[in-house]
Amino acid sequence: MSTPQHPAEIHVVAAPTEAFLLRVQLLAASIRRNAGDFATSRIVVTLSRDVEPWDIDSAFSWSRELGIEWRWVDAQTWADHDMFGSALKRFTYEVDAPYVIHLDADTLVTGPLDRLPSVTRDKFGGVVAHVAPAAFQVPFRDGRIHDGADYWAQLHEAAGLDAPQLTSEHTGWGLMDADPARRWCPPYYNLGMLAGERGVMQRVGAQVMQQMATVESRIDTHFRCQLAVALALAATDTPSTDLSMRYNFPNDERFAGRYREALLDVRVLHYLRDGEFERERDTASLSALDSFLARPITSAVDSQLQRTLRSLRSGLGDTKLPDAHYAPGHAPAIAALAAVAEVQGG
């Protein structure tokens, strides 16, 4: 393994669409501008295999200027797991940098990230998902709906593990779900932002694909990736730490009231909710983004989002795909997954 040349590697997953490329460009620009000593981190984007791989770096000068490295998910992973495989493939890479951060494409870095190593130390870090996956009442393959602690016990049993201790509180409990049985969970993190030292992340990464298969053997859920990470943490006995909401703050006014202190010092802003800002509408293209930037906004969180986007607008390049590489077929699948994630915050 070569000597590390970057303070961290930042891994992102996306689809090869105009909107996703715009989000990636915005995220990369925010990293270069706002991430502090991590601004020079290696940025690696894993793309879902909706079309035959093509050279994005040659097509878009902004990609070269921002120093983005593009990787297409391999054909077998795509065939076996489609978009879910793309999301977890990045966990399996060999890493040169001493620290690793995973970010969703619909996030923006709004403050320094270089203190994260002192926060996570030798632990896996993430922000607890807003609500429990059990809240969606999706039946398991046995035909039963498992809830509360039983939900977690069923999944851990499938992985050959004891029932977990429920030590983490869902960050949206009382705001999005009020059932006491679903207030607590094992370390179960929103994929929007995850972080840890190289060895910690690679230890978890060695288990995630196997644990996604475990989840799929018991339940068909859009949250299989997050559940796979939770099972991988348990299977490898990897210690974890619940990070402050400032490291994965949703554009949701309900959270602004409860997590006011975090809002004053947001480091990663996650624009997964629709309100005055609508992700699918307002990041569909540069012209759509400009329309949002011109609108008056009253929400505290969306106002902060708008200010951050304005600070990044200068110098953004077009993300319209060449006709030969247009991938219309995957857009509905991505949109469906995004809609569920928007509701859950997970």
Protein backbone atom coordinates (compact mmCIF):
# COMPACT_ATOMS: atom_id res chain seq x y z
CA MET A 1 0.00 0.00 0.00
CA SER A 2 1.41 3.40 -1.00
CA THR A 3 2.12 6.24 1.39
CA PRO A 4 -1.10 8.23 1.97
CA GLN A 5 -1.23 11.41 -0.12
CA HIS A 6 -4.60 12.61 1.12
CA PRO A 7 -5.84 13.27 4.66
CA ALA A 8 -9.01 11.29 3.94
CA GLU A 9 -10.96 9.51 1.23
CA ILE A 10 -14.54 10.67 0.71
CA HIS A 11 -16.77 8.12 -1.03
CA VAL A 12 -20.06 8.97 -2.72
CA VAL A 13 -22.54 6.86 -4.68
CA ALA A 14 -24.59 8.25 -7.58
CA ALA A 15 -26.46 7.39 -10.75
CA PRO A 16 -25.33 8.60 -14.20
CA THR A 17 -28.05 11.23 -14.61
CA GLU A 18 -27.94 14.99 -15.09
CA ALA A 19 -29.41 15.63 -11.64
CA PHE A 20 -27.06 13.27 -9.81
CA LEU A 21 -24.03 14.71 -11.57
CA LEU A 22 -25.11 18.19 -10.50
CA ARG A 23 -25.42 17.01 -6.89
CA VAL A 24 -22.00 15.40 -7.04
CA GLN A 25 -20.51 18.60 -8.47
CA LEU A 26 -22.10 20.66 -5.68
CA LEU A 27 -20.89 18.25 -3.03
CA ALA A 28 -17.34 18.16 -4.39
CA ALA A 29 -17.25 21.96 -4.61
CA SER A 30 -18.47 22.21 -1.01
CA ILE A 31 -15.74 19.82 0.14
CA ARG A 32 -13.03 21.82 -1.61
CA ARG A 33 -14.40 25.07 -0.16
CA ASN A 34 -15.54 24.17 3.36
CA ALA A 35 -14.00 20.93 4.67
CA GLY A 36 -11.01 22.54 6.39
CA ASP A 37 -7.89 20.37 6.36
CA PHE A 38 -9.98 17.67 4.67
CA ALA A 39 -10.61 19.93 1.66
CA THR A 40 -7.80 18.13 -0.19
CA SER A 41 -9.29 14.69 0.42
CA ARG A 42 -9.57 12.18 -2.39
CA ILE A 43 -13.14 12.19 -3.74
CA VAL A 44 -14.30 8.87 -5.21
CA VAL A 45 -17.75 8.49 -6.78
CA THR A 46 -19.20 5.03 -7.45
CA LEU A 47 -21.74 5.04 -10.28
CA SER A 48 -24.59 2.62 -10.77
CA ARG A 49 -24.33 0.66 -14.01
CA ASP A 50 -27.44 1.98 -15.78
CA VAL A 51 -25.53 2.28 -19.05
CA GLU A 52 -22.24 0.99 -20.36
CA PRO A 53 -19.43 2.84 -18.55
CA TRP A 54 -18.12 5.95 -20.28
CA ASP A 55 -15.48 8.59 -19.53
CA ILE A 56 -17.22 11.22 -17.40
CA ASP A 57 -13.95 12.95 -16.60
CA SER A 58 -13.32 13.70 -20.27
CA ALA A 59 -16.86 14.91 -20.84
CA PHE A 60 -16.97 17.46 -18.02
CA SER A 61 -14.18 19.92 -17.24
CA TRP A 62 -15.62 20.60 -13.78
CA SER A 63 -14.90 16.98 -12.85
CA ARG A 64 -11.22 17.41 -13.65
CA GLU A 65 -11.05 20.77 -11.88
CA LEU A 66 -12.57 19.32 -8.71
CA GLY A 67 -10.37 16.23 -8.83
CA ILE A 68 -13.15 13.65 -8.80
CA GLU A 69 -12.36 9.97 -9.41
CA TRP A 70 -15.18 7.97 -10.99
CA ARG A 71 -15.71 4.22 -10.62
CA TRP A 72 -18.49 2.20 -12.16
CA VAL A 73 -19.92 -0.58 -10.02
CA ASP A 74 -18.94 -3.93 -11.48
CA ALA A 75 -21.40 -5.79 -13.67
CA GLN A 76 -21.86 -8.71 -11.27
CA THR A 77 -22.68 -6.53 -8.27
CA TRP A 78 -25.13 -4.54 -10.39
CA ALA A 79 -26.77 -7.71 -11.69
CA ASP A 80 -27.09 -9.16 -8.20
CA HIS A 81 -28.09 -6.08 -6.20
CA ASP A 82 -28.71 -3.14 -8.61
CA MET A 83 -28.73 0.25 -6.81
CA PHE A 84 -28.30 -1.36 -3.38
CA GLY A 85 -25.10 -2.97 -4.56
CA SER A 86 -23.83 0.39 -5.77
CA ALA A 87 -24.45 1.88 -2.34
CA LEU A 88 -22.45 -0.81 -0.52
CA LYS A 89 -19.69 -1.47 -3.07
CA ARG A 90 -17.76 1.59 -1.86
CA PHE A 91 -17.36 -0.10 1.55
CA THR A 92 -15.28 -2.85 -0.04
CA TYR A 93 -12.54 -0.74 -1.65
CA GLU A 94 -8.92 -0.75 -0.61
CA VAL A 95 -8.12 2.67 0.86
CA ASP A 96 -4.81 4.53 1.02
CA ALA A 97 -5.80 7.48 3.21
CA PRO A 98 -5.87 7.10 7.01
CA TYR A 99 -9.50 8.22 7.31
CA VAL A 100 -12.68 7.45 5.34
CA ILE A 101 -15.94 9.37 5.03
CA HIS A 102 -19.04 8.19 3.15
CA LEU A 103 -21.47 10.88 2.00
CA ASP A 104 -24.73 10.75 0.10
CA ALA A 105 -24.81 12.72 -3.15
CA ASP A 106 -27.56 14.96 -1.72
CA THR A 107 -25.35 16.37 1.02
CA LEU A 108 -23.25 19.51 1.24
CA VAL A 109 -20.23 20.10 3.44
CA THR A 110 -20.85 23.35 5.29
CA GLY A 111 -18.00 23.32 7.80
CA PRO A 112 -14.67 21.67 8.63
CA LEU A 113 -14.57 17.89 8.82
CA ASP A 114 -10.99 17.54 10.03
CA ARG A 115 -11.99 17.10 13.68
CA LEU A 116 -13.82 13.88 12.90
CA PRO A 117 -10.82 11.62 13.66
CA SER A 118 -10.64 13.00 17.19
CA VAL A 119 -14.40 12.50 17.57
CA THR A 120 -14.63 8.93 16.28
CA ARG A 121 -11.12 7.82 17.38
CA ASP A 122 -11.08 4.02 16.89
CA LYS A 123 -14.85 3.80 16.44
CA PHE A 124 -17.30 3.80 13.55
CA GLY A 125 -19.29 7.04 13.50
CA GLY A 126 -22.70 7.96 12.15
CA VAL A 127 -25.87 9.88 12.95
CA VAL A 128 -28.68 7.60 14.13
CA ALA A 129 -31.50 7.22 11.56
CA HIS A 130 -34.53 9.40 12.16
CA VAL A 131 -37.05 6.61 12.70
CA ALA A 132 -37.05 2.84 13.02
CA PRO A 133 -37.34 0.72 9.86
CA ALA A 134 -40.09 -1.17 11.69
CA ALA A 135 -42.24 1.96 11.52
CA PHE A 136 -43.08 1.11 7.90
CA GLN A 137 -44.73 -2.18 8.90
CA VAL A 138 -43.16 -4.16 6.08
CA PRO A 139 -43.80 -7.88 6.68
CA PHE A 140 -40.86 -10.25 6.97
CA ARG A 141 -40.66 -13.24 4.65
CA ASP A 142 -42.42 -15.30 7.33
CA GLY A 143 -45.49 -13.14 6.63
CA ARG A 144 -45.38 -11.47 10.05
CA ILE A 145 -44.81 -7.84 10.91
CA HIS A 146 -42.13 -7.62 13.57
CA ASP A 147 -41.88 -4.44 15.61
CA GLY A 148 -39.71 -2.86 18.26
CA ALA A 149 -37.03 -5.05 19.82
CA ASP A 150 -38.39 -8.12 18.02
CA TYR A 151 -37.53 -6.54 14.65
CA TRP A 152 -33.87 -6.29 15.61
CA ALA A 153 -33.82 -9.71 17.26
CA GLN A 154 -35.11 -11.33 14.07
CA LEU A 155 -32.40 -9.78 11.91
CA HIS A 156 -29.60 -10.52 14.36
CA GLU A 157 -30.78 -14.10 14.71
CA ALA A 158 -30.57 -14.46 10.92
CA ALA A 159 -26.94 -13.31 11.13
CA GLY A 160 -26.18 -15.82 13.90
CA LEU A 161 -26.01 -13.08 16.51
CA ASP A 162 -27.64 -12.56 19.88
CA ALA A 163 -30.41 -10.01 20.20
CA PRO A 164 -28.76 -6.58 20.37
CA GLN A 165 -28.80 -4.00 23.11
CA LEU A 166 -30.94 -1.05 22.05
CA THR A 167 -28.68 1.79 23.16
CA SER A 168 -29.25 4.48 20.52
CA GLU A 169 -32.25 6.79 20.34
CA HIS A 170 -33.77 7.51 16.94
CA THR A 171 -33.09 11.17 16.18
CA GLY A 172 -36.61 11.74 14.87
CA TRP A 173 -38.43 9.97 17.67
CA GLY A 174 -41.21 12.24 18.93
CA LEU A 175 -41.04 14.23 15.70
CA MET A 176 -41.79 11.56 13.10
CA ASP A 177 -42.80 8.54 15.19
CA ALA A 178 -44.05 8.41 18.78
CA ASP A 179 -44.39 4.68 19.42
CA PRO A 180 -42.31 3.91 22.56
CA ALA A 181 -41.46 0.45 21.18
CA ARG A 182 -39.57 2.10 18.33
CA ARG A 183 -37.70 4.77 20.28
CA TRP A 184 -34.44 2.82 20.69
CA CYS A 185 -32.25 0.82 18.35
CA PRO A 186 -28.78 -0.71 18.12
CA PRO A 187 -26.24 1.45 16.24
CA TYR A 188 -28.29 2.02 13.09
CA TYR A 189 -27.08 4.96 11.04
CA ASN A 190 -28.35 7.05 8.18
CA LEU A 191 -26.10 6.39 5.17
CA GLY A 192 -25.95 10.14 4.47
CA MET A 193 -22.72 10.42 6.43
CA LEU A 194 -20.54 7.69 7.93
CA ALA A 195 -16.94 8.01 9.08
CA GLY A 196 -14.05 6.17 10.66
CA GLU A 197 -10.40 5.29 10.52
CA ARG A 198 -9.32 3.19 7.54
CA GLY A 199 -9.01 -0.05 9.53
CA VAL A 200 -12.42 0.41 11.15
CA MET A 201 -14.16 1.08 7.84
CA GLN A 202 -12.46 -1.80 6.07
CA ARG A 203 -13.35 -4.22 8.87
CA VAL A 204 -17.02 -3.29 8.49
CA GLY A 205 -16.69 -3.27 4.70
CA ALA A 206 -15.51 -6.88 4.68
CA GLN A 207 -18.92 -7.91 6.05
CA VAL A 208 -21.48 -5.59 4.46
CA MET A 209 -22.28 -7.56 1.30
CA GLN A 210 -22.73 -10.77 3.28
CA GLN A 211 -24.96 -8.99 5.76
CA MET A 212 -27.07 -7.45 3.02
CA ALA A 213 -27.75 -11.00 1.85
CA THR A 214 -28.76 -11.81 5.44
CA VAL A 215 -31.22 -8.93 5.49
CA GLU A 216 -32.62 -9.92 2.11
CA SER A 217 -33.19 -13.46 3.36
CA ARG A 218 -35.59 -12.12 5.98
CA ILE A 219 -37.20 -8.98 4.57
CA ASP A 220 -37.53 -7.04 1.30
CA THR A 221 -36.84 -3.48 2.39
CA HIS A 222 -35.41 -0.33 0.83
CA PHE A 223 -33.32 0.05 3.99
CA ARG A 224 -31.34 -3.14 3.48
CA CYS A 225 -28.07 -1.20 3.11
CA GLN A 226 -28.38 0.56 6.45
CA LEU A 227 -29.47 -2.66 8.10
CA ALA A 228 -26.49 -4.46 6.52
CA VAL A 229 -24.14 -1.90 8.06
CA ALA A 230 -25.80 -2.36 11.46
CA LEU A 231 -25.37 -6.15 11.22
CA ALA A 232 -21.77 -5.78 10.03
CA LEU A 233 -20.98 -3.63 13.06
CA ALA A 234 -22.43 -6.32 15.32
CA ALA A 235 -20.84 -9.26 13.48
CA THR A 236 -17.35 -7.69 13.67
CA ASP A 237 -17.84 -6.40 17.21
CA THR A 238 -16.85 -2.95 15.97
CA PRO A 239 -17.38 -0.16 18.52
CA SER A 240 -19.38 2.80 17.29
CA THR A 241 -20.22 6.33 18.34
CA ASP A 242 -23.44 8.25 17.69
CA LEU A 243 -22.39 11.53 16.09
CA SER A 244 -24.02 14.89 16.67
CA MET A 245 -26.77 15.90 14.27
CA ARG A 246 -24.41 18.62 12.99
CA TYR A 247 -22.69 15.94 10.90
CA ASN A 248 -25.86 14.95 9.01
CA PHE A 249 -28.48 17.65 9.47
CA PRO A 250 -31.69 17.26 7.42
CA ASN A 251 -33.40 20.21 5.76
CA ASP A 252 -36.40 19.68 8.04
CA GLU A 253 -37.75 22.47 10.22
CA ARG A 254 -38.89 20.00 12.88
CA PHE A 255 -35.25 19.12 13.52
CA ALA A 256 -34.26 22.79 13.63
CA GLY A 257 -36.34 23.21 16.77
CA ARG A 258 -35.00 20.18 18.64
CA TYR A 259 -31.37 20.37 17.50
CA ARG A 260 -30.90 24.13 17.57
CA GLU A 261 -27.31 23.98 18.83
CA ALA A 262 -26.32 21.58 16.05
CA LEU A 263 -28.01 23.82 13.48
CA LEU A 264 -25.74 26.68 14.54
CA ASP A 265 -22.68 24.59 13.69
CA VAL A 266 -23.74 22.31 10.83
CA ARG A 267 -20.89 20.47 9.12
CA VAL A 268 -22.93 18.33 6.69
CA LEU A 269 -26.34 19.43 5.44
CA HIS A 270 -28.52 16.67 3.99
CA TYR A 271 -31.23 17.97 1.64
CA LEU A 272 -33.42 14.86 1.61
CA ARG A 273 -36.77 16.50 2.50
CA ASP A 274 -39.22 18.44 0.38
CA GLY A 275 -40.51 21.78 1.57
CA GLU A 276 -39.64 25.16 0.11
CA PHE A 277 -36.74 23.29 -1.45
CA GLU A 278 -37.56 20.13 -3.44
CA ARG A 279 -34.55 18.04 -4.34
CA GLU A 280 -35.88 16.39 -7.50
CA ARG A 281 -37.19 19.69 -8.86
CA ASP A 282 -34.46 22.06 -7.72
CA THR A 283 -31.37 20.01 -8.61
CA ALA A 284 -32.71 18.64 -11.88
CA SER A 285 -30.44 21.03 -13.82
CA LEU A 286 -28.47 24.24 -13.43
CA SER A 287 -31.46 26.27 -14.57
CA ALA A 288 -33.65 24.57 -11.96
CA LEU A 289 -31.05 25.36 -9.31
CA ASP A 290 -30.97 29.00 -10.40
CA SER A 291 -34.76 29.18 -10.04
CA PHE A 292 -34.48 27.98 -6.44
CA LEU A 293 -31.71 30.46 -5.69
CA ALA A 294 -33.94 33.31 -6.89
CA ARG A 295 -36.93 32.39 -4.72
CA PRO A 296 -37.65 33.90 -1.28
CA ILE A 297 -37.27 31.27 1.47
CA THR A 298 -38.63 31.45 5.02
CA SER A 299 -37.51 28.11 6.53
CA ALA A 300 -34.37 28.41 8.68
CA VAL A 301 -32.84 25.20 7.34
CA ASP A 302 -33.74 25.76 3.69
CA SER A 303 -32.44 29.34 4.02
CA GLN A 304 -29.11 27.95 5.16
CA LEU A 305 -29.21 25.49 2.27
CA GLN A 306 -29.91 28.32 -0.16
CA ARG A 307 -27.02 30.41 1.19
CA THR A 308 -24.65 27.46 0.83
CA LEU A 309 -25.78 26.73 -2.72
CA ARG A 310 -25.39 30.40 -3.66
CA SER A 311 -21.82 30.35 -2.38
CA LEU A 312 -21.09 27.42 -4.70
CA ARG A 313 -22.96 28.61 -7.81
CA SER A 314 -20.12 30.56 -9.40
CA GLY A 315 -18.07 28.33 -11.64
CA LEU A 316 -20.48 25.38 -11.74
CA GLY A 317 -20.47 23.58 -15.06
CA ASP A 318 -23.26 21.98 -17.03
CA THR A 319 -24.16 18.36 -16.25
CA LYS A 320 -26.40 17.58 -19.21
CA LEU A 321 -25.47 14.16 -20.52
CA PRO A 322 -24.33 13.55 -24.06
CA ASP A 323 -27.20 11.88 -25.94
CA ALA A 324 -25.22 8.67 -26.34
CA HIS A 325 -25.02 8.22 -22.58
CA TYR A 326 -28.53 9.22 -21.51
CA ALA A 327 -29.94 6.69 -19.01
CA PRO A 328 -33.69 7.27 -18.64
CA GLY A 329 -34.62 3.80 -17.41
CA HIS A 330 -33.12 4.10 -13.95
CA ALA A 331 -34.59 7.46 -12.97
CA PRO A 332 -37.89 6.03 -11.62
CA ALA A 333 -36.06 3.46 -9.47
CA ILE A 334 -33.74 6.07 -7.99
CA ALA A 335 -36.67 8.41 -7.39
CA ALA A 336 -38.65 5.68 -5.63
CA LEU A 337 -35.75 4.85 -3.33
CA ALA A 338 -35.17 8.54 -2.63
CA ALA A 339 -38.84 9.06 -1.77
CA VAL A 340 -38.74 6.32 0.87
CA ALA A 341 -35.49 7.64 2.31
CA GLU A 342 -37.06 11.10 2.48
CA VAL A 343 -39.88 9.81 4.66
CA GLN A 344 -37.65 7.80 6.96
CA GLY A 345 -34.58 9.98 7.18
CA GLY A 346 -32.72 6.79 6.98
